[in-house]
Amino acid sequence: MNSQLRRRIGNSEYQISKVENPDREYQQYRQLLTACATAGEDDLFALLEGAVRESIEALFESIVEHPDSRVALQFLDYRNYHDYDLKVRDVTDPNAAPVSIDRQATKMSGGENQSPYFIAILACYLRAYKRHLTGRVAGPSLCLIPIDEAFSKMSGDGIRHSIDALKELDLQGFLSMSSGNIPYAIDGCDQVLTVSKKKTHHHNQEGVRNIAVSLTREEALQRYCTR
């Protein structure tokens, strides 16, 4: 995925990093995996040191006998095996070091915060649709990404760059946005579906009806970009 994401998106370049969870039990489990690669059918535990073997046996017993325990649930959650981070680098500054999104999020503006997480969503869908694989055989696929309020905090340039990234990664977006953001997104959209509210009155009761209208790019440009 990093090879797919390591391309310029606006003035930024993104990279996903991971480090192994340093907690003792996860280190021991990695030792078990290493032993599995070299052990025969009957001598797996013979390759493990006494303390590691005892810890692994206790863990397996907890998973089997007490599957709802805290230890079992934490260990069965794959997200605990590594610490992940999304890093961004300003490509306009050749000396700039990558910045950790997790560590710098509180110092960023709304748009600066939203853009990296949009990229993280793209990375997840790249993985799901196997678009990250090199040498894959191209085949029919929707590769559809639905995102609600996709660009609520982004600038116009950020919206354009995000849609360009969708196209470059061979993905298709189904994006919900306010009408104010349509002028920035329209050049990258093949179809626009607008939803407006209409008040209705029936027997002295007021209601609201949502009316959807499908527009081509040309129709949307006329409606939203010529005001």
C-alpha atoms as a PDB file:
ATOM      1  CA  MET A   1       0.000   0.000   0.000  1.00  0.00           C
ATOM      2  CA  ASN A   2       2.846   2.373   0.734  1.00  0.00           C
ATOM      3  CA  SER A   3       4.041   2.049  -2.848  1.00  0.00           C
ATOM      4  CA  GLN A   4       0.558   3.083  -3.980  1.00  0.00           C
ATOM      5  CA  LEU A   5       0.290   5.960  -1.511  1.00  0.00           C
ATOM      6  CA  ARG A   6       3.817   7.226  -2.066  1.00  0.00           C
ATOM      7  CA  ARG A   7       2.746   9.682  -4.702  1.00  0.00           C
ATOM      8  CA  ARG A   8       2.161  13.382  -4.493  1.00  0.00           C
ATOM      9  CA  ILE A   9      -1.333  14.347  -3.358  1.00  0.00           C
ATOM     10  CA  GLY A  10      -1.413  18.112  -3.488  1.00  0.00           C
ATOM     11  CA  ASN A  11       1.787  19.145  -1.711  1.00  0.00           C
ATOM     12  CA  SER A  12       1.811  16.105   0.556  1.00  0.00           C
ATOM     13  CA  GLU A  13       3.205  12.593   0.446  1.00  0.00           C
ATOM     14  CA  TYR A  14       1.814   9.929   2.786  1.00  0.00           C
ATOM     15  CA  GLN A  15       3.223   6.763   4.307  1.00  0.00           C
ATOM     16  CA  ILE A  16       1.831   4.167   6.715  1.00  0.00           C
ATOM     17  CA  SER A  17       4.281   2.963   9.350  1.00  0.00           C
ATOM     18  CA  LYS A  18       4.090   0.180  11.913  1.00  0.00           C
ATOM     19  CA  VAL A  19       6.166  -0.966  14.856  1.00  0.00           C
ATOM     20  CA  GLU A  20       5.810  -4.200  16.786  1.00  0.00           C
ATOM     21  CA  ASN A  21       3.943  -4.060  20.077  1.00  0.00           C
ATOM     22  CA  PRO A  22       6.742  -4.193  22.687  1.00  0.00           C
ATOM     23  CA  ASP A  23       4.591  -5.856  25.368  1.00  0.00           C
ATOM     24  CA  ARG A  24       6.133  -9.104  26.605  1.00  0.00           C
ATOM     25  CA  GLU A  25       3.266 -11.411  25.655  1.00  0.00           C
ATOM     26  CA  TYR A  26       3.291 -10.253  22.043  1.00  0.00           C
ATOM     27  CA  GLN A  27       7.048 -10.706  21.837  1.00  0.00           C
ATOM     28  CA  GLN A  28       6.573 -14.245  23.102  1.00  0.00           C
ATOM     29  CA  TYR A  29       3.893 -14.920  20.533  1.00  0.00           C
ATOM     30  CA  ARG A  30       6.247 -13.761  17.776  1.00  0.00           C
ATOM     31  CA  GLN A  31       8.780 -16.219  19.161  1.00  0.00           C
ATOM     32  CA  LEU A  32       6.112 -18.892  18.808  1.00  0.00           C
ATOM     33  CA  LEU A  33       5.527 -17.950  15.170  1.00  0.00           C
ATOM     34  CA  THR A  34       9.266 -18.162  14.512  1.00  0.00           C
ATOM     35  CA  ALA A  35       9.347 -21.581  16.142  1.00  0.00           C
ATOM     36  CA  CYS A  36       6.399 -22.717  14.000  1.00  0.00           C
ATOM     37  CA  ALA A  37       8.390 -21.962  10.867  1.00  0.00           C
ATOM     38  CA  THR A  38      11.195 -24.330  11.865  1.00  0.00           C
ATOM     39  CA  ALA A  39       9.488 -26.941  14.032  1.00  0.00           C
ATOM     40  CA  GLY A  40       8.325 -30.347  12.992  1.00  0.00           C
ATOM     41  CA  GLU A  41       4.852 -31.669  13.638  1.00  0.00           C
ATOM     42  CA  ASP A  42       5.529 -32.897  17.183  1.00  0.00           C
ATOM     43  CA  ASP A  43       8.395 -30.809  18.539  1.00  0.00           C
ATOM     44  CA  LEU A  44       7.051 -27.227  18.472  1.00  0.00           C
ATOM     45  CA  PHE A  45       7.017 -26.631  22.216  1.00  0.00           C
ATOM     46  CA  ALA A  46      10.383 -28.343  22.601  1.00  0.00           C
ATOM     47  CA  LEU A  47      11.945 -25.405  20.747  1.00  0.00           C
ATOM     48  CA  LEU A  48      10.560 -22.856  23.202  1.00  0.00           C
ATOM     49  CA  GLU A  49      12.353 -21.815  26.359  1.00  0.00           C
ATOM     50  CA  GLY A  50      10.692 -22.790  29.626  1.00  0.00           C
ATOM     51  CA  ALA A  51       9.268 -19.378  30.583  1.00  0.00           C
ATOM     52  CA  VAL A  52       8.035 -18.673  27.048  1.00  0.00           C
ATOM     53  CA  ARG A  53       6.477 -22.106  26.814  1.00  0.00           C
ATOM     54  CA  GLU A  54       4.630 -21.660  30.102  1.00  0.00           C
ATOM     55  CA  SER A  55       3.312 -18.222  29.053  1.00  0.00           C
ATOM     56  CA  ILE A  56       2.134 -19.510  25.670  1.00  0.00           C
ATOM     57  CA  GLU A  57       0.400 -22.508  27.252  1.00  0.00           C
ATOM     58  CA  ALA A  58      -1.326 -20.213  29.771  1.00  0.00           C
ATOM     59  CA  LEU A  59      -2.431 -17.899  26.973  1.00  0.00           C
ATOM     60  CA  PHE A  60      -3.846 -20.744  24.865  1.00  0.00           C
ATOM     61  CA  GLU A  61      -5.657 -22.098  27.909  1.00  0.00           C
ATOM     62  CA  SER A  62      -7.197 -18.659  28.507  1.00  0.00           C
ATOM     63  CA  ILE A  63      -8.333 -18.393  24.879  1.00  0.00           C
ATOM     64  CA  VAL A  64      -9.895 -21.876  24.929  1.00  0.00           C
ATOM     65  CA  GLU A  65     -11.331 -21.939  28.427  1.00  0.00           C
ATOM     66  CA  HIS A  66     -12.175 -18.244  28.873  1.00  0.00           C
ATOM     67  CA  PRO A  67     -12.695 -16.748  25.379  1.00  0.00           C
ATOM     68  CA  ASP A  68     -14.465 -13.659  26.769  1.00  0.00           C
ATOM     69  CA  SER A  69     -11.727 -12.737  29.212  1.00  0.00           C
ATOM     70  CA  ARG A  70      -9.757  -9.500  28.822  1.00  0.00           C
ATOM     71  CA  VAL A  71      -6.555 -11.375  28.007  1.00  0.00           C
ATOM     72  CA  ALA A  72      -8.197 -13.493  25.312  1.00  0.00           C
ATOM     73  CA  LEU A  73     -10.069 -10.591  23.704  1.00  0.00           C
ATOM     74  CA  GLN A  74      -6.980  -8.385  23.586  1.00  0.00           C
ATOM     75  CA  PHE A  75      -4.878 -11.140  22.114  1.00  0.00           C
ATOM     76  CA  LEU A  76      -7.450 -12.061  19.463  1.00  0.00           C
ATOM     77  CA  ASP A  77      -7.660  -8.425  18.304  1.00  0.00           C
ATOM     78  CA  TYR A  78      -5.132  -8.106  15.481  1.00  0.00           C
ATOM     79  CA  ARG A  79      -4.924  -4.323  16.021  1.00  0.00           C
ATOM     80  CA  ASN A  80      -2.905  -4.928  19.180  1.00  0.00           C
ATOM     81  CA  TYR A  81      -0.036  -6.674  17.410  1.00  0.00           C
ATOM     82  CA  HIS A  82       1.448  -3.483  15.947  1.00  0.00           C
ATOM     83  CA  ASP A  83       1.268   0.252  16.543  1.00  0.00           C
ATOM     84  CA  TYR A  84       0.274   1.946  13.298  1.00  0.00           C
ATOM     85  CA  ASP A  85       0.778   5.552  12.265  1.00  0.00           C
ATOM     86  CA  LEU A  86       0.146   7.693   9.202  1.00  0.00           C
ATOM     87  CA  LYS A  87       2.944  10.072   8.326  1.00  0.00           C
ATOM     88  CA  VAL A  88       2.829  13.033   5.966  1.00  0.00           C
ATOM     89  CA  ARG A  89       5.673  14.957   4.355  1.00  0.00           C
ATOM     90  CA  ASP A  90       5.566  18.350   2.623  1.00  0.00           C
ATOM     91  CA  VAL A  91       7.089  17.701  -0.799  1.00  0.00           C
ATOM     92  CA  THR A  92       7.752  21.397  -1.365  1.00  0.00           C
ATOM     93  CA  ASP A  93      10.399  21.266   1.376  1.00  0.00           C
ATOM     94  CA  PRO A  94      13.174  18.807   0.438  1.00  0.00           C
ATOM     95  CA  ASN A  95      14.519  18.896   3.999  1.00  0.00           C
ATOM     96  CA  ALA A  96      11.163  18.265   5.690  1.00  0.00           C
ATOM     97  CA  ALA A  97      10.923  15.128   7.796  1.00  0.00           C
ATOM     98  CA  PRO A  98       7.709  13.066   7.827  1.00  0.00           C
ATOM     99  CA  VAL A  99       5.247  14.235  10.488  1.00  0.00           C
ATOM    100  CA  SER A 100       3.229  11.792  12.610  1.00  0.00           C
ATOM    101  CA  ILE A 101      -0.489  12.455  12.232  1.00  0.00           C
ATOM    102  CA  ASP A 102      -1.238  10.865  15.619  1.00  0.00           C
ATOM    103  CA  ARG A 103       1.242  13.093  17.416  1.00  0.00           C
ATOM    104  CA  GLN A 104       0.469  16.324  15.578  1.00  0.00           C
ATOM    105  CA  ALA A 105      -3.307  16.020  15.136  1.00  0.00           C
ATOM    106  CA  THR A 106      -4.122  18.503  17.927  1.00  0.00           C
ATOM    107  CA  LYS A 107      -1.915  21.140  16.262  1.00  0.00           C
ATOM    108  CA  MET A 108      -3.524  20.826  12.835  1.00  0.00           C
ATOM    109  CA  SER A 109      -6.452  22.725  11.390  1.00  0.00           C
ATOM    110  CA  GLY A 110      -9.694  20.959  10.515  1.00  0.00           C
ATOM    111  CA  GLY A 111      -8.739  20.555   6.866  1.00  0.00           C
ATOM    112  CA  GLU A 112      -5.211  19.411   7.716  1.00  0.00           C
ATOM    113  CA  ASN A 113      -6.714  16.780   9.998  1.00  0.00           C
ATOM    114  CA  GLN A 114      -9.361  15.608   7.566  1.00  0.00           C
ATOM    115  CA  SER A 115      -7.082  15.133   4.556  1.00  0.00           C
ATOM    116  CA  PRO A 116      -4.836  12.456   6.145  1.00  0.00           C
ATOM    117  CA  TYR A 117      -7.798  10.456   7.357  1.00  0.00           C
ATOM    118  CA  PHE A 118      -9.321  10.614   3.887  1.00  0.00           C
ATOM    119  CA  ILE A 119      -6.044   9.119   2.649  1.00  0.00           C
ATOM    120  CA  ALA A 120      -6.239   6.457   5.389  1.00  0.00           C
ATOM    121  CA  ILE A 121      -9.719   5.514   4.162  1.00  0.00           C
ATOM    122  CA  LEU A 122      -8.369   5.175   0.625  1.00  0.00           C
ATOM    123  CA  ALA A 123      -5.602   2.913   1.933  1.00  0.00           C
ATOM    124  CA  CYS A 124      -8.164   0.658   3.640  1.00  0.00           C
ATOM    125  CA  TYR A 125     -10.163   0.310   0.434  1.00  0.00           C
ATOM    126  CA  LEU A 126      -6.994  -0.295  -1.570  1.00  0.00           C
ATOM    127  CA  ARG A 127      -6.399  -3.233   0.723  1.00  0.00           C
ATOM    128  CA  ALA A 128      -9.977  -4.488   0.553  1.00  0.00           C
ATOM    129  CA  TYR A 129     -10.085  -4.344  -3.242  1.00  0.00           C
ATOM    130  CA  LYS A 130      -6.495  -5.661  -3.531  1.00  0.00           C
ATOM    131  CA  ARG A 131      -5.533  -2.613  -5.548  1.00  0.00           C
ATOM    132  CA  HIS A 132      -2.292  -2.460  -3.550  1.00  0.00           C
ATOM    133  CA  LEU A 133      -0.990  -5.664  -5.125  1.00  0.00           C
ATOM    134  CA  THR A 134       1.646  -5.311  -7.803  1.00  0.00           C
ATOM    135  CA  GLY A 135       1.346  -7.460 -10.883  1.00  0.00           C
ATOM    136  CA  ARG A 136      -2.372  -8.053 -10.322  1.00  0.00           C
ATOM    137  CA  VAL A 137      -4.517  -8.891 -13.313  1.00  0.00           C
ATOM    138  CA  ALA A 138      -6.894  -6.031 -13.997  1.00  0.00           C
ATOM    139  CA  GLY A 139     -10.505  -7.128 -14.068  1.00  0.00           C
ATOM    140  CA  PRO A 140     -14.003  -5.686 -13.800  1.00  0.00           C
ATOM    141  CA  SER A 141     -14.526  -4.190 -10.372  1.00  0.00           C
ATOM    142  CA  LEU A 142     -16.566  -1.328  -8.972  1.00  0.00           C
ATOM    143  CA  CYS A 143     -13.980  -0.501  -6.297  1.00  0.00           C
ATOM    144  CA  LEU A 144     -16.622   1.779  -4.817  1.00  0.00           C
ATOM    145  CA  ILE A 145     -15.885   4.034  -1.815  1.00  0.00           C
ATOM    146  CA  PRO A 146     -18.933   5.566  -0.043  1.00  0.00           C
ATOM    147  CA  ILE A 147     -18.045   8.460   2.273  1.00  0.00           C
ATOM    148  CA  ASP A 148     -20.547  10.668   4.106  1.00  0.00           C
ATOM    149  CA  GLU A 149     -19.663  14.382   4.513  1.00  0.00           C
ATOM    150  CA  ALA A 150     -16.420  13.629   2.733  1.00  0.00           C
ATOM    151  CA  PHE A 151     -15.030  17.159   2.480  1.00  0.00           C
ATOM    152  CA  SER A 152     -16.769  19.071   5.260  1.00  0.00           C
ATOM    153  CA  LYS A 153     -13.567  20.770   6.508  1.00  0.00           C
ATOM    154  CA  MET A 154     -11.380  20.794   3.404  1.00  0.00           C
ATOM    155  CA  SER A 155     -10.423  23.727   1.218  1.00  0.00           C
ATOM    156  CA  GLY A 156     -11.245  23.750  -2.478  1.00  0.00           C
ATOM    157  CA  ASP A 157      -7.731  22.584  -3.376  1.00  0.00           C
ATOM    158  CA  GLY A 158      -7.934  19.795  -0.796  1.00  0.00           C
ATOM    159  CA  ILE A 159     -11.186  18.554  -2.355  1.00  0.00           C
ATOM    160  CA  ARG A 160      -9.705  18.535  -5.847  1.00  0.00           C
ATOM    161  CA  HIS A 161      -6.559  16.747  -4.687  1.00  0.00           C
ATOM    162  CA  SER A 162      -8.596  14.094  -2.868  1.00  0.00           C
ATOM    163  CA  ILE A 163     -10.713  13.347  -5.926  1.00  0.00           C
ATOM    164  CA  ASP A 164      -7.581  13.206  -8.084  1.00  0.00           C
ATOM    165  CA  ALA A 165      -6.156  10.669  -5.621  1.00  0.00           C
ATOM    166  CA  LEU A 166      -9.265   8.511  -6.017  1.00  0.00           C
ATOM    167  CA  LYS A 167      -8.765   8.395  -9.755  1.00  0.00           C
ATOM    168  CA  GLU A 168      -5.028   7.764  -9.603  1.00  0.00           C
ATOM    169  CA  LEU A 169      -5.568   4.832  -7.234  1.00  0.00           C
ATOM    170  CA  ASP A 170      -8.127   3.298  -9.598  1.00  0.00           C
ATOM    171  CA  LEU A 171     -11.014   3.735  -7.146  1.00  0.00           C
ATOM    172  CA  GLN A 172     -14.508   5.168  -7.544  1.00  0.00           C
ATOM    173  CA  GLY A 173     -16.085   7.463  -4.982  1.00  0.00           C
ATOM    174  CA  PHE A 174     -19.711   7.813  -3.942  1.00  0.00           C
ATOM    175  CA  LEU A 175     -19.322  11.024  -1.955  1.00  0.00           C
ATOM    176  CA  SER A 176     -21.851  12.934   0.126  1.00  0.00           C
ATOM    177  CA  MET A 177     -21.120  16.662   0.413  1.00  0.00           C
ATOM    178  CA  SER A 178     -22.827  19.984   0.961  1.00  0.00           C
ATOM    179  CA  SER A 179     -23.872  21.970  -2.116  1.00  0.00           C
ATOM    180  CA  GLY A 180     -21.212  24.565  -1.306  1.00  0.00           C
ATOM    181  CA  ASN A 181     -18.466  22.022  -2.051  1.00  0.00           C
ATOM    182  CA  ILE A 182     -19.887  20.893  -5.402  1.00  0.00           C
ATOM    183  CA  PRO A 183     -18.109  23.618  -7.456  1.00  0.00           C
ATOM    184  CA  TYR A 184     -14.737  22.297  -6.240  1.00  0.00           C
ATOM    185  CA  ALA A 185     -15.607  18.642  -6.855  1.00  0.00           C
ATOM    186  CA  ILE A 186     -17.613  18.790 -10.043  1.00  0.00           C
ATOM    187  CA  ASP A 187     -14.687  18.506 -12.478  1.00  0.00           C
ATOM    188  CA  GLY A 188     -13.862  15.101 -11.020  1.00  0.00           C
ATOM    189  CA  CYS A 189     -17.445  13.802 -10.896  1.00  0.00           C
ATOM    190  CA  ASP A 190     -19.219  11.912 -13.650  1.00  0.00           C
ATOM    191  CA  GLN A 191     -22.650  12.215 -12.064  1.00  0.00           C
ATOM    192  CA  VAL A 192     -24.217  14.471  -9.451  1.00  0.00           C
ATOM    193  CA  LEU A 193     -27.273  13.529  -7.412  1.00  0.00           C
ATOM    194  CA  THR A 194     -28.745  16.494  -5.564  1.00  0.00           C
ATOM    195  CA  VAL A 195     -31.195  16.083  -2.710  1.00  0.00           C
ATOM    196  CA  SER A 196     -33.410  19.004  -1.706  1.00  0.00           C
ATOM    197  CA  LYS A 197     -36.060  19.277   0.988  1.00  0.00           C
ATOM    198  CA  LYS A 198     -39.604  20.275   0.196  1.00  0.00           C
ATOM    199  CA  LYS A 199     -42.098  21.146   2.890  1.00  0.00           C
ATOM    200  CA  THR A 200     -45.538  19.564   2.547  1.00  0.00           C
ATOM    201  CA  HIS A 201     -48.839  20.259   4.276  1.00  0.00           C
ATOM    202  CA  HIS A 202     -51.544  17.695   4.706  1.00  0.00           C
ATOM    203  CA  HIS A 203     -54.552  18.108   6.970  1.00  0.00           C
ATOM    204  CA  ASN A 204     -52.874  20.986   8.815  1.00  0.00           C
ATOM    205  CA  GLN A 205     -49.750  18.877   9.400  1.00  0.00           C
ATOM    206  CA  GLU A 206     -46.389  19.942   8.067  1.00  0.00           C
ATOM    207  CA  GLY A 207     -43.930  17.414   6.732  1.00  0.00           C
ATOM    208  CA  VAL A 208     -40.633  17.365   4.883  1.00  0.00           C
ATOM    209  CA  ARG A 209     -40.041  15.423   1.700  1.00  0.00           C
ATOM    210  CA  ASN A 210     -36.602  14.712   0.217  1.00  0.00           C
ATOM    211  CA  ILE A 211     -36.452  15.082  -3.552  1.00  0.00           C
ATOM    212  CA  ALA A 212     -33.501  13.600  -5.460  1.00  0.00           C
ATOM    213  CA  VAL A 213     -32.521  14.826  -8.925  1.00  0.00           C
ATOM    214  CA  SER A 214     -29.774  13.244 -11.034  1.00  0.00           C
ATOM    215  CA  LEU A 215     -27.600  15.709 -12.954  1.00  0.00           C
ATOM    216  CA  THR A 216     -24.883  15.273 -15.533  1.00  0.00           C
ATOM    217  CA  ARG A 217     -21.611  17.149 -15.050  1.00  0.00           C
ATOM    218  CA  GLU A 218     -22.761  19.816 -17.515  1.00  0.00           C
ATOM    219  CA  GLU A 219     -26.092  20.311 -15.749  1.00  0.00           C
ATOM    220  CA  ALA A 220     -24.385  20.528 -12.360  1.00  0.00           C
ATOM    221  CA  LEU A 221     -21.903  23.099 -13.698  1.00  0.00           C
ATOM    222  CA  GLN A 222     -24.767  25.240 -14.901  1.00  0.00           C
ATOM    223  CA  ARG A 223     -26.633  24.986 -11.613  1.00  0.00           C
ATOM    224  CA  TYR A 224     -23.809  25.386  -9.096  1.00  0.00           C
ATOM    225  CA  CYS A 225     -20.877  27.033 -10.868  1.00  0.00           C
ATOM    226  CA  THR A 226     -22.443  29.929 -12.734  1.00  0.00           C
ATOM    227  CA  ARG A 227     -23.851  31.847  -9.768  1.00  0.00           C
END
